[in-house]
Amino acid sequence: MKTENDLNSDHIKGLVWRLAVPSMLAQFVSVLYSIVDRMYIGNIPNIGEVALAGVGICGPVVTLISSVAFLVGAGGSPLMSIRLGEKNQRAARQILANCFLLLLFFSLFITAVSFLLKDRLLVWFGAGKTVFPYADQYLSIYLTGTVFALFSTGLNPFIVCQGYARTAMKSVVFGAVSNIILDPVFIFVFGMGVRGAAIATVISQMISCIYVLRFLFGTTLPIQITFQGYDLEVVKRILALGLSPFLIIAFDNVLIISLNTVIMHYGREGNGEKLLTCMTIVQSFMLMVTMPLGGITTGTQTILGFNLGAGRPERIRQAERYIASLAVGFTTVMFILAHTVPQFFVHIFTRDQSYVDLTVSGIKVYTMGIIPLALQYVIVDGFTGLGAAKAAISLSMFRKTIFLIGAVTLPAWFGVNYIFYTEPISDFISVTVSMMVFTTLFGRIINNRAKVIDV
């Protein structure tokens, strides 16, 4: 099969666009998994708003499962790109084989542990008596599809890093379109409510998983999945590099849990559940920003890793400039939409005017810092793509820590409605620090390959 993109010789600007845009679109479409579920659930007669809060409680568990997929996929694919740049196909094939085994192990382990702790997790994450039944219904079914979620998400980067960004996008699109079609059928036609939304999601993830596995087991790819070359040292390097994106997403769980807990504590009965529903919708909009933004920055990591392995620092510099321009352009568009027409997005979930007013205000505040946030993603994911795990982890954890401090202090000092300001505060502060670190380390990393892979 002829590759879609030649990482060795294609012009950098064209490569960035051809890898970033499909990855961005794939992540944008993947947001529909959660948004479509929430949209239909929010419109279930009589129970919509409460059921939506219940599904929002499940968010941390769903995110945690995704974070494990990124631990393997985002840890192995940059290493594989570097080996491909070095023309070392044997090592690249070994990395993919070990990643496949890791994903299989994690999927079985997470499924077993999650079912054992499910009820406790939901209570810890803020599920009160009113929303618990809906959260339990959704999560119980969603967990049965863990293996599909991990394989489809965790293996997709290995398609991108071999130059097949459009193929990787198709796997996500097929799953998302299936979810859009199946959701109303199971929720309304079969009258299954929240359970129906979860069933539709699991089936859709299975479709994506089958597509990814068929492609990576095919004989026409340069690097296919094999069942040999297992090596504990390789596993350690994969997990060490993947630790940064894993911690970024896993720590998001801590932030979401903290937000939910703070909201329920300071909002009290009634108002807390209302604010929790609004925050769920705000976070759904934010996913439309951060997921495609992450698609741009992670989808182009293979350019950085390949050229690092090939010893071509100037192509890395060019790539980073184009990636930053594309990322800032995207977040600028989303900023304009967030501050001009957010009500159209909110109306997808609810028509209750009191909910609409609070959520629109929340979106405008929450997205104040998304334009500079683009540079945070470029820097952190850029360091990850270059194998500089320590720098990536440090910067991402700094931003999350600022967010957590804001989530705890702002509602206590100013009132629970000020919880929305935690996001822009952390965005502006973290970007300032990340730019300083990037200016100091980037040139040193790409000009001294021997010290790059600190894993």
Protein backbone atom coordinates (compact mmCIF):
# COMPACT_ATOMS: atom_id res chain seq x y z
CA MET A 1 0.00 0.00 0.00
CA LYS A 2 1.35 3.41 -0.94
CA THR A 3 1.69 5.63 2.09
CA GLU A 4 -0.48 8.74 2.27
CA ASN A 5 2.46 10.83 3.53
CA ASP A 6 6.21 10.47 3.10
CA LEU A 7 7.70 11.62 6.40
CA ASN A 8 11.17 11.57 4.91
CA SER A 9 10.79 13.84 1.89
CA ASP A 10 7.39 15.60 1.79
CA HIS A 11 7.37 19.36 2.42
CA ILE A 12 6.87 20.09 6.12
CA LYS A 13 3.92 22.46 5.68
CA GLY A 14 2.05 19.92 3.59
CA LEU A 15 2.86 17.14 6.07
CA VAL A 16 1.56 19.17 9.00
CA TRP A 17 -1.70 19.90 7.23
CA ARG A 18 -2.19 16.35 5.94
CA LEU A 19 -1.52 14.83 9.35
CA ALA A 20 -3.05 17.49 11.59
CA VAL A 21 -6.35 18.05 9.81
CA PRO A 22 -7.48 14.40 9.67
CA SER A 23 -6.39 13.91 13.29
CA MET A 24 -8.20 17.10 14.30
CA LEU A 25 -11.35 16.03 12.49
CA ALA A 26 -11.11 12.54 13.97
CA GLN A 27 -10.96 13.97 17.49
CA PHE A 28 -13.76 16.41 16.71
CA VAL A 29 -15.92 13.53 15.55
CA SER A 30 -14.93 11.46 18.59
CA VAL A 31 -16.34 14.19 20.83
CA LEU A 32 -19.69 13.23 19.36
CA TYR A 33 -19.49 9.99 21.32
CA SER A 34 -20.11 11.90 24.54
CA ILE A 35 -21.97 14.89 23.15
CA VAL A 36 -24.53 12.83 21.23
CA ASP A 37 -25.13 10.67 24.28
CA ARG A 38 -25.60 13.75 26.45
CA MET A 39 -27.73 15.51 23.85
CA TYR A 40 -30.25 12.68 23.62
CA ILE A 41 -30.16 11.97 27.35
CA GLY A 42 -30.78 15.63 28.16
CA ASN A 43 -33.91 15.50 26.02
CA ILE A 44 -35.46 12.41 27.61
CA PRO A 45 -38.92 13.55 28.79
CA ASN A 46 -39.29 14.30 32.52
CA ILE A 47 -35.86 13.04 33.63
CA GLY A 48 -33.53 14.64 31.06
CA GLU A 49 -31.66 17.13 33.24
CA VAL A 50 -31.15 14.71 36.15
CA ALA A 51 -30.12 11.86 33.85
CA LEU A 52 -27.63 14.22 32.17
CA ALA A 53 -26.06 14.97 35.54
CA GLY A 54 -25.75 11.21 36.13
CA VAL A 55 -23.89 10.68 32.87
CA GLY A 56 -21.67 13.65 33.74
CA ILE A 57 -20.70 11.82 36.93
CA CYS A 58 -19.51 8.89 34.77
CA GLY A 59 -17.17 11.21 32.89
CA PRO A 60 -14.13 10.62 35.13
CA VAL A 61 -14.35 6.83 34.72
CA VAL A 62 -14.69 7.12 30.95
CA THR A 63 -11.77 9.57 30.88
CA LEU A 64 -9.65 7.26 33.02
CA ILE A 65 -10.16 4.42 30.55
CA SER A 66 -9.09 6.73 27.72
CA SER A 67 -6.04 7.80 29.68
CA VAL A 68 -4.78 4.20 29.79
CA ALA A 69 -5.13 3.99 26.01
CA PHE A 70 -3.03 7.14 25.72
CA LEU A 71 -0.48 5.71 28.16
CA VAL A 72 0.24 3.00 25.59
CA GLY A 73 -0.58 4.73 22.29
CA ALA A 74 1.03 8.08 23.01
CA GLY A 75 3.95 6.33 24.67
CA GLY A 76 4.66 3.84 21.91
CA SER A 77 3.92 5.81 18.75
CA PRO A 78 6.57 8.56 19.25
CA LEU A 79 9.18 5.86 19.95
CA MET A 80 8.04 4.02 16.84
CA SER A 81 8.32 7.22 14.79
CA ILE A 82 11.88 7.75 16.03
CA ARG A 83 12.82 4.17 15.08
CA LEU A 84 11.26 4.59 11.64
CA GLY A 85 13.33 7.75 11.18
CA GLU A 86 16.38 5.66 12.05
CA LYS A 87 15.30 3.06 9.43
CA ASN A 88 15.08 0.45 12.20
CA GLN A 89 11.94 -1.49 11.27
CA ARG A 90 12.73 -4.41 13.57
CA ALA A 91 12.67 -2.14 16.63
CA ALA A 92 9.52 -0.39 15.34
CA ARG A 93 7.76 -3.75 14.95
CA GLN A 94 8.83 -4.76 18.46
CA ILE A 95 7.34 -1.58 19.92
CA LEU A 96 3.97 -2.22 18.26
CA ALA A 97 3.90 -5.84 19.45
CA ASN A 98 4.54 -4.82 23.04
CA CYS A 99 1.91 -2.07 22.88
CA PHE A 100 -0.72 -4.55 21.64
CA LEU A 101 0.06 -6.86 24.57
CA LEU A 102 -0.10 -3.96 27.05
CA LEU A 103 -3.51 -2.85 25.79
CA LEU A 104 -4.88 -6.39 26.08
CA PHE A 105 -3.64 -6.66 29.66
CA PHE A 106 -4.93 -3.24 30.71
CA SER A 107 -8.36 -3.80 29.17
CA LEU A 108 -8.91 -7.01 31.14
CA PHE A 109 -7.52 -5.54 34.36
CA ILE A 110 -9.53 -2.31 34.18
CA THR A 111 -12.78 -4.12 33.40
CA ALA A 112 -12.42 -6.40 36.42
CA VAL A 113 -11.39 -3.67 38.87
CA SER A 114 -14.00 -1.18 37.64
CA PHE A 115 -16.88 -3.59 38.16
CA LEU A 116 -15.66 -4.36 41.68
CA LEU A 117 -15.40 -0.67 42.64
CA LYS A 118 -18.17 0.77 40.46
CA ASP A 119 -20.63 1.80 43.17
CA ARG A 120 -17.96 3.28 45.40
CA LEU A 121 -16.43 5.19 42.51
CA LEU A 122 -19.75 6.81 41.60
CA VAL A 123 -20.32 7.93 45.18
CA TRP A 124 -16.75 9.25 45.45
CA PHE A 125 -17.22 11.14 42.17
CA GLY A 126 -20.25 13.01 43.53
CA ALA A 127 -23.31 10.88 42.66
CA GLY A 128 -26.09 11.71 45.11
CA LYS A 129 -29.26 9.70 45.63
CA THR A 130 -31.08 11.42 42.79
CA VAL A 131 -28.48 10.96 40.05
CA PHE A 132 -26.89 7.67 41.20
CA PRO A 133 -29.38 5.33 39.43
CA TYR A 134 -28.73 6.97 36.07
CA ALA A 135 -24.97 7.01 36.53
CA ASP A 136 -25.05 3.33 37.53
CA GLN A 137 -27.14 2.34 34.50
CA TYR A 138 -24.79 4.06 32.07
CA LEU A 139 -21.51 2.93 33.60
CA SER A 140 -22.50 -0.71 34.11
CA ILE A 141 -23.02 -1.15 30.38
CA TYR A 142 -20.18 1.12 29.25
CA LEU A 143 -17.59 -0.94 31.14
CA THR A 144 -18.42 -4.04 29.07
CA GLY A 145 -16.86 -2.27 26.07
CA THR A 146 -13.55 -1.41 27.75
CA VAL A 147 -11.53 -3.68 25.49
CA PHE A 148 -12.99 -2.03 22.38
CA ALA A 149 -12.36 1.48 23.74
CA LEU A 150 -8.73 0.73 24.59
CA PHE A 151 -7.85 -1.00 21.34
CA SER A 152 -9.52 1.55 19.08
CA THR A 153 -8.00 4.56 20.89
CA GLY A 154 -4.65 3.06 21.84
CA LEU A 155 -3.76 1.56 18.46
CA ASN A 156 -4.93 4.43 16.26
CA PRO A 157 -1.67 6.43 16.75
CA PHE A 158 0.29 3.56 15.19
CA ILE A 159 -1.69 4.05 11.99
CA VAL A 160 -0.96 7.79 11.99
CA CYS A 161 2.77 7.40 12.67
CA GLN A 162 3.12 5.23 9.56
CA GLY A 163 1.69 8.02 7.43
CA TYR A 164 -1.97 6.96 7.21
CA ALA A 165 -3.76 9.84 8.93
CA ARG A 166 -6.88 9.60 6.75
CA THR A 167 -7.23 5.91 7.51
CA ALA A 168 -6.96 6.63 11.23
CA MET A 169 -9.64 9.30 10.85
CA LYS A 170 -11.98 6.83 9.17
CA SER A 171 -11.85 4.47 12.14
CA VAL A 172 -13.10 7.25 14.42
CA VAL A 173 -15.69 8.51 11.95
CA PHE A 174 -17.20 5.05 11.47
CA GLY A 175 -17.65 4.67 15.21
CA ALA A 176 -19.07 8.15 15.74
CA VAL A 177 -21.54 7.91 12.86
CA SER A 178 -22.69 4.56 14.21
CA ASN A 179 -23.23 6.16 17.61
CA ILE A 180 -25.25 9.01 16.13
CA ILE A 181 -27.51 6.53 14.32
CA LEU A 182 -27.89 4.03 17.16
CA ASP A 183 -28.44 6.47 20.04
CA PRO A 184 -32.01 7.56 19.18
CA VAL A 185 -32.91 4.00 18.25
CA PHE A 186 -31.92 2.53 21.60
CA ILE A 187 -32.92 5.54 23.74
CA PHE A 188 -36.30 6.43 22.24
CA VAL A 189 -37.45 3.70 19.81
CA PHE A 190 -36.60 0.83 22.18
CA GLY A 191 -37.35 3.01 25.21
CA MET A 192 -34.10 2.05 26.98
CA GLY A 193 -33.16 5.58 28.13
CA VAL A 194 -29.70 5.91 29.66
CA ARG A 195 -29.01 2.20 29.16
CA GLY A 196 -29.69 2.62 25.44
CA ALA A 197 -27.12 5.41 25.18
CA ALA A 198 -24.48 3.19 26.77
CA ILE A 199 -25.30 0.23 24.49
CA ALA A 200 -25.03 2.45 21.41
CA THR A 201 -21.62 3.70 22.58
CA VAL A 202 -20.27 0.18 23.17
CA ILE A 203 -21.40 -1.03 19.74
CA SER A 204 -19.86 2.03 18.10
CA GLN A 205 -16.54 1.48 19.86
CA MET A 206 -16.58 -2.13 18.72
CA ILE A 207 -16.97 -1.01 15.11
CA SER A 208 -13.96 1.32 15.42
CA CYS A 209 -11.94 -1.41 17.10
CA ILE A 210 -12.60 -3.94 14.34
CA TYR A 211 -11.56 -1.42 11.68
CA VAL A 212 -8.28 -0.58 13.45
CA LEU A 213 -7.36 -4.21 14.10
CA ARG A 214 -8.07 -5.28 10.52
CA PHE A 215 -5.81 -2.53 9.21
CA LEU A 216 -2.92 -3.16 11.62
CA PHE A 217 -3.02 -6.91 11.06
CA GLY A 218 -2.99 -6.39 7.28
CA THR A 219 0.00 -7.46 5.22
CA THR A 220 0.39 -4.27 3.18
CA LEU A 221 1.54 -1.99 6.03
CA PRO A 222 5.26 -1.44 6.65
CA ILE A 223 4.79 -2.33 10.33
CA GLN A 224 2.06 -4.79 11.34
CA ILE A 225 1.05 -6.25 14.69
CA THR A 226 3.05 -9.39 15.47
CA PHE A 227 3.26 -11.75 18.43
CA GLN A 228 6.97 -11.74 19.07
CA GLY A 229 9.76 -9.55 20.43
CA TYR A 230 8.24 -9.02 23.86
CA ASP A 231 10.75 -7.21 26.05
CA LEU A 232 10.35 -5.74 29.53
CA GLU A 233 12.80 -2.92 28.78
CA VAL A 234 10.77 -1.89 25.74
CA VAL A 235 7.62 -1.92 27.88
CA LYS A 236 9.31 0.32 30.44
CA ARG A 237 10.31 2.86 27.77
CA ILE A 238 6.78 2.88 26.34
CA LEU A 239 5.18 3.44 29.75
CA ALA A 240 7.74 6.06 30.76
CA LEU A 241 7.12 8.18 27.67
CA GLY A 242 3.37 7.59 27.79
CA LEU A 243 3.29 8.70 31.41
CA SER A 244 2.94 12.35 30.40
CA PRO A 245 -0.29 12.08 28.35
CA PHE A 246 -1.58 9.50 30.83
CA LEU A 247 -1.08 11.83 33.79
CA ILE A 248 -2.55 14.74 31.85
CA ILE A 249 -5.79 12.85 31.23
CA ALA A 250 -5.82 10.95 34.53
CA PHE A 251 -5.31 14.15 36.49
CA ASP A 252 -8.24 15.59 34.55
CA ASN A 253 -10.28 13.03 36.47
CA VAL A 254 -9.07 14.51 39.74
CA LEU A 255 -10.09 17.94 38.50
CA ILE A 256 -13.53 16.81 37.37
CA ILE A 257 -14.11 14.94 40.62
CA SER A 258 -12.99 18.01 42.54
CA LEU A 259 -15.32 20.23 40.55
CA ASN A 260 -18.27 17.89 41.11
CA THR A 261 -17.53 17.61 44.83
CA VAL A 262 -17.10 21.36 45.28
CA ILE A 263 -20.27 22.07 43.31
CA MET A 264 -22.35 19.65 45.38
CA HIS A 265 -20.80 20.92 48.64
CA TYR A 266 -21.28 24.64 48.07
CA GLY A 267 -24.33 24.40 45.84
CA ARG A 268 -26.30 22.39 48.37
CA GLU A 269 -29.37 20.32 47.43
CA GLY A 270 -31.18 21.42 44.29
CA ASN A 271 -28.88 24.23 43.19
CA GLY A 272 -25.87 21.91 43.29
CA GLU A 273 -27.51 19.44 40.91
CA LYS A 274 -28.51 22.28 38.60
CA LEU A 275 -24.98 23.67 38.55
CA LEU A 276 -23.61 20.15 38.00
CA THR A 277 -25.82 19.77 34.92
CA CYS A 278 -24.64 23.13 33.58
CA MET A 279 -21.00 22.24 34.22
CA THR A 280 -21.53 18.98 32.29
CA ILE A 281 -22.69 20.99 29.27
CA VAL A 282 -19.81 23.48 29.64
CA GLN A 283 -17.31 20.63 29.73
CA SER A 284 -18.97 19.14 26.65
CA PHE A 285 -18.30 22.39 24.80
CA MET A 286 -14.74 22.44 26.12
CA LEU A 287 -14.23 18.96 24.70
CA MET A 288 -14.99 20.44 21.27
CA VAL A 289 -11.97 22.69 21.84
CA THR A 290 -9.47 20.42 23.57
CA MET A 291 -10.05 17.17 21.69
CA PRO A 292 -9.51 18.58 18.15
CA LEU A 293 -6.68 20.73 19.53
CA GLY A 294 -5.09 17.58 20.88
CA GLY A 295 -5.66 15.97 17.49
CA ILE A 296 -3.55 18.69 15.87
CA THR A 297 -0.69 18.40 18.35
CA THR A 298 -0.62 14.62 18.80
CA GLY A 299 -1.35 13.82 15.15
CA THR A 300 1.79 15.70 14.11
CA GLN A 301 4.06 14.15 16.76
CA THR A 302 5.19 11.59 14.22
CA ILE A 303 6.79 14.39 12.14
CA LEU A 304 8.82 15.49 15.15
CA GLY A 305 9.82 11.97 16.18
CA PHE A 306 10.72 10.84 12.66
CA ASN A 307 12.92 13.86 12.00
CA LEU A 308 14.51 13.53 15.41
CA GLY A 309 15.47 9.97 14.54
CA ALA A 310 16.73 11.14 11.15
CA GLY A 311 18.78 13.94 12.76
CA ARG A 312 17.09 16.87 10.98
CA PRO A 313 16.47 19.65 13.52
CA GLU A 314 15.52 22.32 10.97
CA ARG A 315 12.53 20.27 9.80
CA ILE A 316 11.47 19.96 13.45
CA ARG A 317 11.60 23.75 13.88
CA GLN A 318 9.57 24.28 10.72
CA ALA A 319 7.01 21.73 11.84
CA GLU A 320 6.57 23.33 15.26
CA ARG A 321 5.93 26.73 13.67
CA TYR A 322 3.24 25.36 11.37
CA ILE A 323 1.68 23.28 14.16
CA ALA A 324 1.50 26.33 16.45
CA SER A 325 -0.10 28.47 13.71
CA LEU A 326 -2.72 25.84 12.97
CA ALA A 327 -3.49 25.27 16.67
CA VAL A 328 -3.86 29.00 17.44
CA GLY A 329 -6.03 29.47 14.35
CA PHE A 330 -8.37 26.71 15.49
CA THR A 331 -8.72 27.99 19.06
CA THR A 332 -9.33 31.52 17.77
CA VAL A 333 -12.30 30.28 15.77
CA MET A 334 -13.64 28.37 18.78
CA PHE A 335 -13.16 31.44 21.00
CA ILE A 336 -15.27 33.53 18.63
CA LEU A 337 -18.03 30.89 18.58
CA ALA A 338 -17.95 30.54 22.37
CA HIS A 339 -18.43 34.27 22.88
CA THR A 340 -21.00 34.93 20.16
CA VAL A 341 -23.35 31.95 19.74
CA PRO A 342 -22.95 29.56 22.71
CA GLN A 343 -26.71 29.42 23.22
CA PHE A 344 -27.12 27.32 20.07
CA PHE A 345 -24.89 24.66 21.58
CA VAL A 346 -26.65 24.78 24.95
CA HIS A 347 -30.08 24.38 23.33
CA ILE A 348 -28.97 20.95 22.09
CA PHE A 349 -29.06 19.74 25.70
CA THR A 350 -31.82 21.73 27.36
CA ARG A 351 -34.50 24.36 26.70
CA ASP A 352 -34.98 25.32 30.33
CA GLN A 353 -34.12 29.03 30.30
CA SER A 354 -32.60 29.07 33.78
CA TYR A 355 -30.23 26.29 32.76
CA VAL A 356 -29.50 28.00 29.43
CA ASP A 357 -28.60 31.36 31.00
CA LEU A 358 -26.24 29.84 33.58
CA THR A 359 -24.55 27.56 31.05
CA VAL A 360 -24.04 30.29 28.43
CA SER A 361 -22.37 32.45 31.05
CA GLY A 362 -20.25 29.48 32.13
CA ILE A 363 -19.05 28.78 28.58
CA LYS A 364 -17.99 32.40 28.06
CA VAL A 365 -15.95 32.40 31.26
CA TYR A 366 -14.53 28.88 30.86
CA THR A 367 -13.18 29.61 27.36
CA MET A 368 -11.52 32.97 28.05
CA GLY A 369 -8.03 31.47 27.83
CA ILE A 370 -8.37 28.93 25.02
CA ILE A 371 -6.34 30.93 22.47
CA PRO A 372 -3.11 30.82 24.52
CA LEU A 373 -4.08 27.27 25.58
CA ALA A 374 -3.17 26.22 22.03
CA LEU A 375 0.50 26.95 22.76
CA GLN A 376 0.35 24.86 25.93
CA TYR A 377 -0.76 21.86 23.87
CA VAL A 378 1.87 22.51 21.18
CA ILE A 379 4.66 22.66 23.74
CA VAL A 380 3.65 19.71 25.93
CA ASP A 381 2.76 17.36 23.06
CA GLY A 382 5.80 18.56 21.16
CA PHE A 383 8.08 17.56 24.03
CA THR A 384 6.31 14.18 24.19
CA GLY A 385 6.78 13.63 20.46
CA LEU A 386 10.49 14.34 20.87
CA GLY A 387 10.79 11.84 23.69
CA ALA A 388 11.34 14.53 26.36
CA ALA A 389 8.94 12.99 28.86
CA LYS A 390 10.17 14.80 31.97
CA ALA A 391 9.57 18.26 30.52
CA ALA A 392 6.12 17.29 29.23
CA ILE A 393 5.03 15.79 32.54
CA SER A 394 6.28 18.74 34.58
CA LEU A 395 4.48 21.33 32.46
CA SER A 396 1.21 19.43 32.29
CA MET A 397 1.18 18.75 36.03
CA PHE A 398 1.89 22.41 36.76
CA ARG A 399 -1.21 23.46 34.82
CA LYS A 400 -3.40 20.87 36.52
CA THR A 401 -2.14 21.92 39.94
CA ILE A 402 -3.07 25.54 39.29
CA PHE A 403 -6.53 24.39 38.18
CA LEU A 404 -6.99 22.28 41.32
CA ILE A 405 -5.99 25.14 43.60
CA GLY A 406 -8.50 27.40 41.86
CA ALA A 407 -11.27 24.80 42.10
CA VAL A 408 -10.79 24.54 45.85
CA THR A 409 -10.27 28.22 46.71
CA LEU A 410 -12.46 30.26 44.35
CA PRO A 411 -15.86 28.86 45.45
CA ALA A 412 -14.83 29.19 49.11
CA TRP A 413 -13.78 32.80 48.69
CA PHE A 414 -16.25 34.19 46.14
CA GLY A 415 -19.12 31.70 45.80
CA VAL A 416 -19.76 28.48 43.88
CA ASN A 417 -20.56 30.22 40.57
CA TYR A 418 -16.94 31.38 40.40
CA ILE A 419 -15.90 27.76 39.81
CA PHE A 420 -15.95 28.54 36.07
CA TYR A 421 -12.96 30.88 36.44
CA THR A 422 -10.62 28.02 37.37
CA GLU A 423 -10.05 27.14 33.72
CA PRO A 424 -8.94 30.54 32.30
CA ILE A 425 -6.75 31.25 35.33
CA SER A 426 -4.87 27.96 34.89
CA ASP A 427 -4.64 28.52 31.11
CA PHE A 428 -2.95 31.93 31.31
CA ILE A 429 -0.54 31.05 34.11
CA SER A 430 0.54 27.69 32.66
CA VAL A 431 1.12 29.03 29.14
CA THR A 432 3.42 31.74 30.51
CA VAL A 433 5.54 29.16 32.33
CA SER A 434 5.51 26.71 29.40
CA MET A 435 6.76 29.36 26.99
CA MET A 436 9.69 30.11 29.30
CA VAL A 437 10.61 26.42 29.54
CA PHE A 438 10.21 25.90 25.79
CA THR A 439 12.52 28.81 25.01
CA THR A 440 15.15 27.30 27.29
CA LEU A 441 14.97 23.62 26.33
CA PHE A 442 13.69 23.19 22.78
CA GLY A 443 16.89 24.06 20.90
CA ARG A 444 18.98 21.99 23.26
CA ILE A 445 16.74 18.93 22.77
CA ILE A 446 16.61 18.86 18.99
CA ASN A 447 20.30 19.63 18.57
CA ASN A 448 21.49 16.91 20.92
CA ARG A 449 19.75 13.66 20.08
CA ALA A 450 21.74 11.68 22.61
CA LYS A 451 19.95 13.43 25.47
CA VAL A 452 16.49 13.57 23.97
CA ILE A 453 14.94 10.31 25.01
CA ASP A 454 15.04 10.73 28.76
CA VAL A 455 12.86 7.69 29.26
